[in-house]
Amino acid sequence: MMPEVTVQIGGRGFEVSCQEGEQSYLHSAAKMLDDEAQVLSDQIGRMPEARMLLMAGLMLADKTAAVEDRIKAVEAELAEREAELARLRNAPPPAPNRVEVPVVPASVTDTLAELAARAEALASEIEERTLG
């Protein structure tokens, strides 16, 4: 035998049957419906039971549809990001930057060494003349 659960919606008790172990889910769903019924009762006041349940159910369905739309949008955005990530992972690595390092020709270094040697020789010669 299925368990019977009493749920409160809009200040009214309803006997509902459910599968064994699903009582907590039923109470959660009834609470959501009761929250909508409470909004209606605050705005409109007391109304026939069937109308209250219908309107509360429609308000809840509207919220659910909005959440589903948002989930679809987020899933589409996630799919785009995953595709972009896959493209980046599979893209060939960028070509290495070519850096030009100038090479000083040997003739220039030889000339500089020669100039330095001559300058030193001149400096020594001048020093000798001054001291001598």
N, C-alpha and C. Protein backbone atom coordinates (compact mmCIF):
# COMPACT_ATOMS: atom_id res chain seq x y z
N MET A 1 0.84 -1.19 0.00
CA MET A 1 0.00 0.00 0.00
C MET A 1 0.88 1.26 0.00
N MET A 2 0.49 2.24 -0.81
CA MET A 2 1.27 3.47 -0.92
C MET A 2 1.01 4.36 0.30
N PRO A 3 2.09 5.05 0.77
CA PRO A 3 1.90 5.94 1.91
C PRO A 3 1.01 7.13 1.54
N GLU A 4 0.18 7.56 2.48
CA GLU A 4 -0.66 8.75 2.31
C GLU A 4 0.02 9.89 3.04
N VAL A 5 0.12 11.03 2.38
CA VAL A 5 0.76 12.20 2.98
C VAL A 5 -0.24 13.35 2.93
N THR A 6 -0.32 14.12 4.01
CA THR A 6 -1.17 15.31 4.00
C THR A 6 -0.27 16.50 3.75
N VAL A 7 -0.58 17.26 2.69
CA VAL A 7 0.19 18.47 2.38
C VAL A 7 -0.73 19.68 2.55
N GLN A 8 -0.15 20.79 2.94
CA GLN A 8 -0.90 22.04 3.12
C GLN A 8 -0.60 22.97 1.94
N ILE A 9 -1.65 23.36 1.24
CA ILE A 9 -1.50 24.31 0.13
C ILE A 9 -2.57 25.37 0.29
N GLY A 10 -2.12 26.60 0.41
CA GLY A 10 -3.06 27.71 0.56
C GLY A 10 -3.92 27.59 1.79
N GLY A 11 -3.36 27.05 2.86
CA GLY A 11 -4.10 26.91 4.12
C GLY A 11 -5.09 25.76 4.12
N ARG A 12 -5.06 24.91 3.11
CA ARG A 12 -5.97 23.77 3.04
C ARG A 12 -5.17 22.47 2.98
N GLY A 13 -5.66 21.45 3.65
CA GLY A 13 -4.97 20.16 3.68
C GLY A 13 -5.42 19.27 2.54
N PHE A 14 -4.48 18.57 1.94
CA PHE A 14 -4.79 17.63 0.85
C PHE A 14 -4.11 16.31 1.14
N GLU A 15 -4.87 15.21 1.00
CA GLU A 15 -4.32 13.86 1.16
C GLU A 15 -3.76 13.41 -0.18
N VAL A 16 -2.50 13.03 -0.20
CA VAL A 16 -1.87 12.62 -1.45
C VAL A 16 -1.13 11.30 -1.24
N SER A 17 -1.24 10.39 -2.20
CA SER A 17 -0.50 9.13 -2.15
C SER A 17 0.82 9.31 -2.89
N CYS A 18 1.84 8.59 -2.43
CA CYS A 18 3.13 8.65 -3.14
C CYS A 18 3.86 7.33 -2.97
N GLN A 19 4.91 7.16 -3.73
CA GLN A 19 5.75 5.96 -3.61
C GLN A 19 6.49 5.99 -2.28
N GLU A 20 6.80 4.82 -1.77
CA GLU A 20 7.56 4.71 -0.53
C GLU A 20 8.91 5.39 -0.72
N GLY A 21 9.31 6.22 0.23
CA GLY A 21 10.60 6.91 0.16
C GLY A 21 10.54 8.24 -0.56
N GLU A 22 9.39 8.59 -1.16
CA GLU A 22 9.29 9.85 -1.90
C GLU A 22 8.56 10.93 -1.13
N GLN A 23 8.29 10.68 0.15
CA GLN A 23 7.54 11.64 0.96
C GLN A 23 8.22 13.00 1.02
N SER A 24 9.54 13.01 1.18
CA SER A 24 10.24 14.29 1.31
C SER A 24 10.16 15.09 0.01
N TYR A 25 10.22 14.39 -1.15
CA TYR A 25 10.09 15.09 -2.44
C TYR A 25 8.69 15.70 -2.57
N LEU A 26 7.70 14.93 -2.13
CA LEU A 26 6.32 15.41 -2.21
C LEU A 26 6.14 16.65 -1.34
N HIS A 27 6.71 16.61 -0.13
CA HIS A 27 6.61 17.78 0.76
C HIS A 27 7.30 19.00 0.14
N SER A 28 8.46 18.79 -0.50
CA SER A 28 9.18 19.90 -1.15
C SER A 28 8.35 20.50 -2.28
N ALA A 29 7.75 19.62 -3.11
CA ALA A 29 6.93 20.10 -4.23
C ALA A 29 5.71 20.84 -3.70
N ALA A 30 5.07 20.29 -2.66
CA ALA A 30 3.89 20.93 -2.07
C ALA A 30 4.26 22.30 -1.49
N LYS A 31 5.45 22.40 -0.90
CA LYS A 31 5.91 23.67 -0.33
C LYS A 31 6.03 24.73 -1.43
N MET A 32 6.58 24.34 -2.60
CA MET A 32 6.71 25.28 -3.72
C MET A 32 5.33 25.75 -4.19
N LEU A 33 4.39 24.82 -4.29
CA LEU A 33 3.04 25.16 -4.71
C LEU A 33 2.35 26.03 -3.66
N ASP A 34 2.60 25.71 -2.39
CA ASP A 34 2.01 26.49 -1.29
C ASP A 34 2.54 27.92 -1.29
N ASP A 35 3.84 28.10 -1.61
CA ASP A 35 4.42 29.46 -1.68
C ASP A 35 3.69 30.29 -2.73
N GLU A 36 3.40 29.67 -3.89
CA GLU A 36 2.67 30.39 -4.94
C GLU A 36 1.24 30.69 -4.50
N ALA A 37 0.61 29.72 -3.84
CA ALA A 37 -0.76 29.91 -3.35
C ALA A 37 -0.81 31.04 -2.34
N GLN A 38 0.24 31.15 -1.54
CA GLN A 38 0.31 32.22 -0.53
C GLN A 38 0.36 33.59 -1.18
N VAL A 39 1.13 33.71 -2.26
CA VAL A 39 1.21 34.96 -3.03
C VAL A 39 -0.18 35.33 -3.55
N LEU A 40 -0.88 34.34 -4.13
CA LEU A 40 -2.23 34.57 -4.65
C LEU A 40 -3.17 35.02 -3.55
N SER A 41 -3.11 34.31 -2.43
CA SER A 41 -4.02 34.61 -1.32
C SER A 41 -3.75 36.02 -0.78
N ASP A 42 -2.47 36.45 -0.77
CA ASP A 42 -2.13 37.81 -0.32
C ASP A 42 -2.66 38.85 -1.31
N GLN A 43 -2.61 38.54 -2.61
CA GLN A 43 -3.03 39.50 -3.64
C GLN A 43 -4.55 39.51 -3.86
N ILE A 44 -5.16 38.33 -3.90
CA ILE A 44 -6.57 38.22 -4.31
C ILE A 44 -7.49 37.89 -3.14
N GLY A 45 -6.94 37.23 -2.12
CA GLY A 45 -7.80 36.79 -1.02
C GLY A 45 -8.29 35.37 -1.27
N ARG A 46 -9.28 34.97 -0.51
CA ARG A 46 -9.78 33.60 -0.59
C ARG A 46 -10.45 33.37 -1.95
N MET A 47 -10.24 32.16 -2.52
CA MET A 47 -10.86 31.82 -3.80
C MET A 47 -11.18 30.34 -3.79
N PRO A 48 -11.99 29.88 -4.74
CA PRO A 48 -12.31 28.45 -4.78
C PRO A 48 -11.04 27.60 -4.89
N GLU A 49 -11.06 26.46 -4.26
CA GLU A 49 -9.90 25.55 -4.20
C GLU A 49 -9.32 25.24 -5.58
N ALA A 50 -10.19 24.86 -6.53
CA ALA A 50 -9.72 24.48 -7.87
C ALA A 50 -9.01 25.65 -8.54
N ARG A 51 -9.58 26.85 -8.41
CA ARG A 51 -8.97 28.04 -9.03
C ARG A 51 -7.62 28.35 -8.38
N MET A 52 -7.56 28.25 -7.05
CA MET A 52 -6.31 28.51 -6.34
C MET A 52 -5.22 27.53 -6.82
N LEU A 53 -5.56 26.23 -6.88
CA LEU A 53 -4.58 25.22 -7.30
C LEU A 53 -4.14 25.45 -8.75
N LEU A 54 -5.12 25.78 -9.63
CA LEU A 54 -4.80 26.02 -11.03
C LEU A 54 -3.86 27.21 -11.17
N MET A 55 -4.21 28.33 -10.54
CA MET A 55 -3.39 29.54 -10.68
C MET A 55 -2.01 29.36 -10.04
N ALA A 56 -1.96 28.73 -8.87
CA ALA A 56 -0.67 28.49 -8.21
C ALA A 56 0.20 27.58 -9.08
N GLY A 57 -0.44 26.55 -9.68
CA GLY A 57 0.29 25.64 -10.57
C GLY A 57 0.84 26.36 -11.79
N LEU A 58 0.01 27.26 -12.37
CA LEU A 58 0.45 28.03 -13.54
C LEU A 58 1.61 28.96 -13.20
N MET A 59 1.53 29.61 -12.03
CA MET A 59 2.62 30.51 -11.62
C MET A 59 3.92 29.72 -11.44
N LEU A 60 3.79 28.54 -10.84
CA LEU A 60 4.96 27.69 -10.62
C LEU A 60 5.52 27.20 -11.97
N ALA A 61 4.63 26.84 -12.89
CA ALA A 61 5.05 26.39 -14.22
C ALA A 61 5.77 27.51 -14.97
N ASP A 62 5.29 28.76 -14.79
CA ASP A 62 5.91 29.91 -15.44
C ASP A 62 7.34 30.10 -14.92
N LYS A 63 7.50 29.99 -13.60
CA LYS A 63 8.85 30.10 -13.02
C LYS A 63 9.75 28.98 -13.54
N THR A 64 9.19 27.77 -13.61
CA THR A 64 9.96 26.62 -14.08
C THR A 64 10.41 26.83 -15.53
N ALA A 65 9.50 27.35 -16.36
CA ALA A 65 9.83 27.59 -17.77
C ALA A 65 10.96 28.62 -17.87
N ALA A 66 10.91 29.66 -17.03
CA ALA A 66 11.97 30.69 -17.05
C ALA A 66 13.30 30.08 -16.65
N VAL A 67 13.28 29.20 -15.64
CA VAL A 67 14.52 28.55 -15.19
C VAL A 67 15.05 27.64 -16.30
N GLU A 68 14.15 26.91 -16.97
CA GLU A 68 14.59 26.03 -18.06
C GLU A 68 15.21 26.82 -19.21
N ASP A 69 14.61 27.98 -19.52
CA ASP A 69 15.18 28.85 -20.57
C ASP A 69 16.58 29.29 -20.19
N ARG A 70 16.73 29.69 -18.93
CA ARG A 70 18.05 30.15 -18.44
C ARG A 70 19.06 29.00 -18.51
N ILE A 71 18.62 27.80 -18.14
CA ILE A 71 19.51 26.64 -18.19
C ILE A 71 19.96 26.39 -19.63
N LYS A 72 19.01 26.49 -20.58
CA LYS A 72 19.36 26.29 -22.00
C LYS A 72 20.38 27.32 -22.46
N ALA A 73 20.18 28.57 -22.04
CA ALA A 73 21.11 29.64 -22.42
C ALA A 73 22.50 29.37 -21.85
N VAL A 74 22.54 28.95 -20.59
CA VAL A 74 23.83 28.66 -19.94
C VAL A 74 24.50 27.45 -20.60
N GLU A 75 23.70 26.43 -20.94
CA GLU A 75 24.26 25.25 -21.60
C GLU A 75 24.83 25.61 -22.98
N ALA A 76 24.11 26.49 -23.71
CA ALA A 76 24.59 26.92 -25.04
C ALA A 76 25.91 27.69 -24.90
N GLU A 77 25.97 28.56 -23.89
CA GLU A 77 27.20 29.33 -23.65
C GLU A 77 28.35 28.40 -23.27
N LEU A 78 28.05 27.41 -22.44
CA LEU A 78 29.06 26.44 -22.02
C LEU A 78 29.56 25.65 -23.23
N ALA A 79 28.64 25.24 -24.11
CA ALA A 79 29.03 24.49 -25.31
C ALA A 79 29.95 25.34 -26.19
N GLU A 80 29.64 26.64 -26.29
CA GLU A 80 30.50 27.56 -27.07
C GLU A 80 31.89 27.62 -26.48
N ARG A 81 31.95 27.78 -25.17
CA ARG A 81 33.26 27.86 -24.49
C ARG A 81 34.05 26.56 -24.67
N GLU A 82 33.34 25.41 -24.56
CA GLU A 82 34.03 24.12 -24.71
C GLU A 82 34.56 23.96 -26.13
N ALA A 83 33.75 24.42 -27.12
CA ALA A 83 34.20 24.33 -28.52
C ALA A 83 35.42 25.22 -28.73
N GLU A 84 35.39 26.40 -28.15
CA GLU A 84 36.51 27.34 -28.27
C GLU A 84 37.76 26.74 -27.63
N LEU A 85 37.58 26.11 -26.47
CA LEU A 85 38.70 25.48 -25.77
C LEU A 85 39.26 24.34 -26.61
N ALA A 86 38.38 23.54 -27.23
CA ALA A 86 38.82 22.42 -28.07
C ALA A 86 39.60 22.96 -29.27
N ARG A 87 39.08 24.06 -29.87
CA ARG A 87 39.79 24.66 -31.02
C ARG A 87 41.20 25.10 -30.61
N LEU A 88 41.30 25.74 -29.43
CA LEU A 88 42.61 26.22 -28.97
C LEU A 88 43.55 25.05 -28.68
N ARG A 89 42.98 23.97 -28.09
CA ARG A 89 43.82 22.80 -27.78
C ARG A 89 44.33 22.13 -29.05
N ASN A 90 43.48 22.10 -30.09
CA ASN A 90 43.85 21.39 -31.32
C ASN A 90 44.56 22.27 -32.34
N ALA A 91 44.65 23.55 -32.07
CA ALA A 91 45.31 24.46 -33.02
C ALA A 91 46.81 24.16 -33.05
N PRO A 92 47.44 24.31 -34.22
CA PRO A 92 48.90 24.10 -34.26
C PRO A 92 49.58 25.16 -33.40
N PRO A 93 50.70 24.81 -32.81
CA PRO A 93 51.39 25.81 -31.96
C PRO A 93 51.82 27.00 -32.82
N PRO A 94 51.83 28.18 -32.24
CA PRO A 94 52.23 29.36 -33.02
C PRO A 94 53.69 29.23 -33.46
N ALA A 95 53.99 29.81 -34.61
CA ALA A 95 55.37 29.77 -35.12
C ALA A 95 56.25 30.53 -34.14
N PRO A 96 57.44 30.01 -33.87
CA PRO A 96 58.31 30.72 -32.92
C PRO A 96 58.68 32.10 -33.47
N ASN A 97 58.80 33.05 -32.58
CA ASN A 97 59.21 34.40 -33.00
C ASN A 97 60.65 34.35 -33.46
N ARG A 98 60.89 34.94 -34.61
CA ARG A 98 62.26 34.97 -35.13
C ARG A 98 62.94 36.20 -34.55
N VAL A 99 64.04 35.96 -33.87
CA VAL A 99 64.77 37.07 -33.28
C VAL A 99 66.11 37.18 -34.01
N GLU A 100 66.35 38.34 -34.55
CA GLU A 100 67.61 38.56 -35.27
C GLU A 100 68.66 39.02 -34.28
N VAL A 101 69.74 38.25 -34.17
CA VAL A 101 70.84 38.66 -33.31
C VAL A 101 71.98 39.09 -34.22
N PRO A 102 72.29 40.38 -34.18
CA PRO A 102 73.35 40.83 -35.10
C PRO A 102 74.69 40.19 -34.73
N VAL A 103 75.40 39.79 -35.75
CA VAL A 103 76.73 39.20 -35.53
C VAL A 103 77.76 40.21 -36.02
N VAL A 104 78.66 40.56 -35.12
CA VAL A 104 79.70 41.52 -35.50
C VAL A 104 80.74 40.76 -36.34
N PRO A 105 80.96 41.23 -37.57
CA PRO A 105 81.94 40.52 -38.42
C PRO A 105 83.33 40.53 -37.79
N ALA A 106 84.05 39.45 -38.04
CA ALA A 106 85.40 39.30 -37.45
C ALA A 106 86.31 40.48 -37.84
N SER A 107 86.17 40.99 -39.07
CA SER A 107 87.04 42.09 -39.53
C SER A 107 86.88 43.32 -38.64
N VAL A 108 85.61 43.56 -38.15
CA VAL A 108 85.37 44.72 -37.29
C VAL A 108 86.05 44.51 -35.94
N THR A 109 85.89 43.29 -35.38
CA THR A 109 86.52 43.06 -34.06
C THR A 109 88.04 43.13 -34.17
N ASP A 110 88.55 42.62 -35.29
CA ASP A 110 90.01 42.69 -35.49
C ASP A 110 90.45 44.15 -35.56
N THR A 111 89.69 44.98 -36.30
CA THR A 111 90.02 46.39 -36.44
C THR A 111 89.96 47.08 -35.08
N LEU A 112 88.92 46.77 -34.28
CA LEU A 112 88.79 47.38 -32.95
C LEU A 112 89.96 46.99 -32.05
N ALA A 113 90.35 45.71 -32.15
CA ALA A 113 91.47 45.24 -31.33
C ALA A 113 92.76 45.96 -31.74
N GLU A 114 92.91 46.15 -33.04
CA GLU A 114 94.09 46.83 -33.56
C GLU A 114 94.11 48.28 -33.08
N LEU A 115 92.93 48.98 -33.15
CA LEU A 115 92.84 50.37 -32.69
C LEU A 115 93.18 50.47 -31.20
N ALA A 116 92.64 49.50 -30.43
CA ALA A 116 92.89 49.52 -28.98
C ALA A 116 94.39 49.34 -28.72
N ALA A 117 95.02 48.46 -29.45
CA ALA A 117 96.46 48.22 -29.27
C ALA A 117 97.25 49.47 -29.61
N ARG A 118 96.88 50.15 -30.71
CA ARG A 118 97.57 51.37 -31.12
C ARG A 118 97.36 52.48 -30.10
N ALA A 119 96.15 52.58 -29.56
CA ALA A 119 95.86 53.61 -28.55
C ALA A 119 96.71 53.36 -27.32
N GLU A 120 96.83 52.09 -26.93
CA GLU A 120 97.65 51.77 -25.76
C GLU A 120 99.12 52.10 -26.02
N ALA A 121 99.56 51.78 -27.21
CA ALA A 121 100.95 52.07 -27.57
C ALA A 121 101.21 53.57 -27.52
N LEU A 122 100.27 54.38 -28.06
CA LEU A 122 100.40 55.83 -28.04
C LEU A 122 100.42 56.35 -26.61
N ALA A 123 99.52 55.79 -25.80
CA ALA A 123 99.45 56.23 -24.40
C ALA A 123 100.77 55.93 -23.70
N SER A 124 101.33 54.77 -23.95
CA SER A 124 102.62 54.42 -23.33
C SER A 124 103.72 55.37 -23.79
N GLU A 125 103.71 55.67 -25.10
CA GLU A 125 104.72 56.56 -25.68
C GLU A 125 104.61 57.94 -25.05
N ILE A 126 103.38 58.47 -24.90
CA ILE A 126 103.18 59.79 -24.32
C ILE A 126 103.64 59.79 -22.86
N GLU A 127 103.33 58.73 -22.16
CA GLU A 127 103.71 58.61 -20.74
C GLU A 127 105.24 58.65 -20.61
N GLU A 128 105.93 57.91 -21.49
CA GLU A 128 107.38 57.85 -21.45
C GLU A 128 107.99 59.23 -21.69
N ARG A 129 107.43 59.97 -22.67
CA ARG A 129 107.94 61.30 -23.00
C ARG A 129 107.75 62.26 -21.85
N THR A 130 106.56 62.14 -21.18
CA THR A 130 106.26 63.05 -20.10
C THR A 130 107.16 62.78 -18.91
N LEU A 131 107.37 61.52 -18.64
CA LEU A 131 108.17 61.18 -17.47
C LEU A 131 109.65 61.30 -17.77
N GLY A 132 109.98 60.98 -19.01
CA GLY A 132 111.38 60.93 -19.38
C GLY A 132 111.90 62.27 -19.63
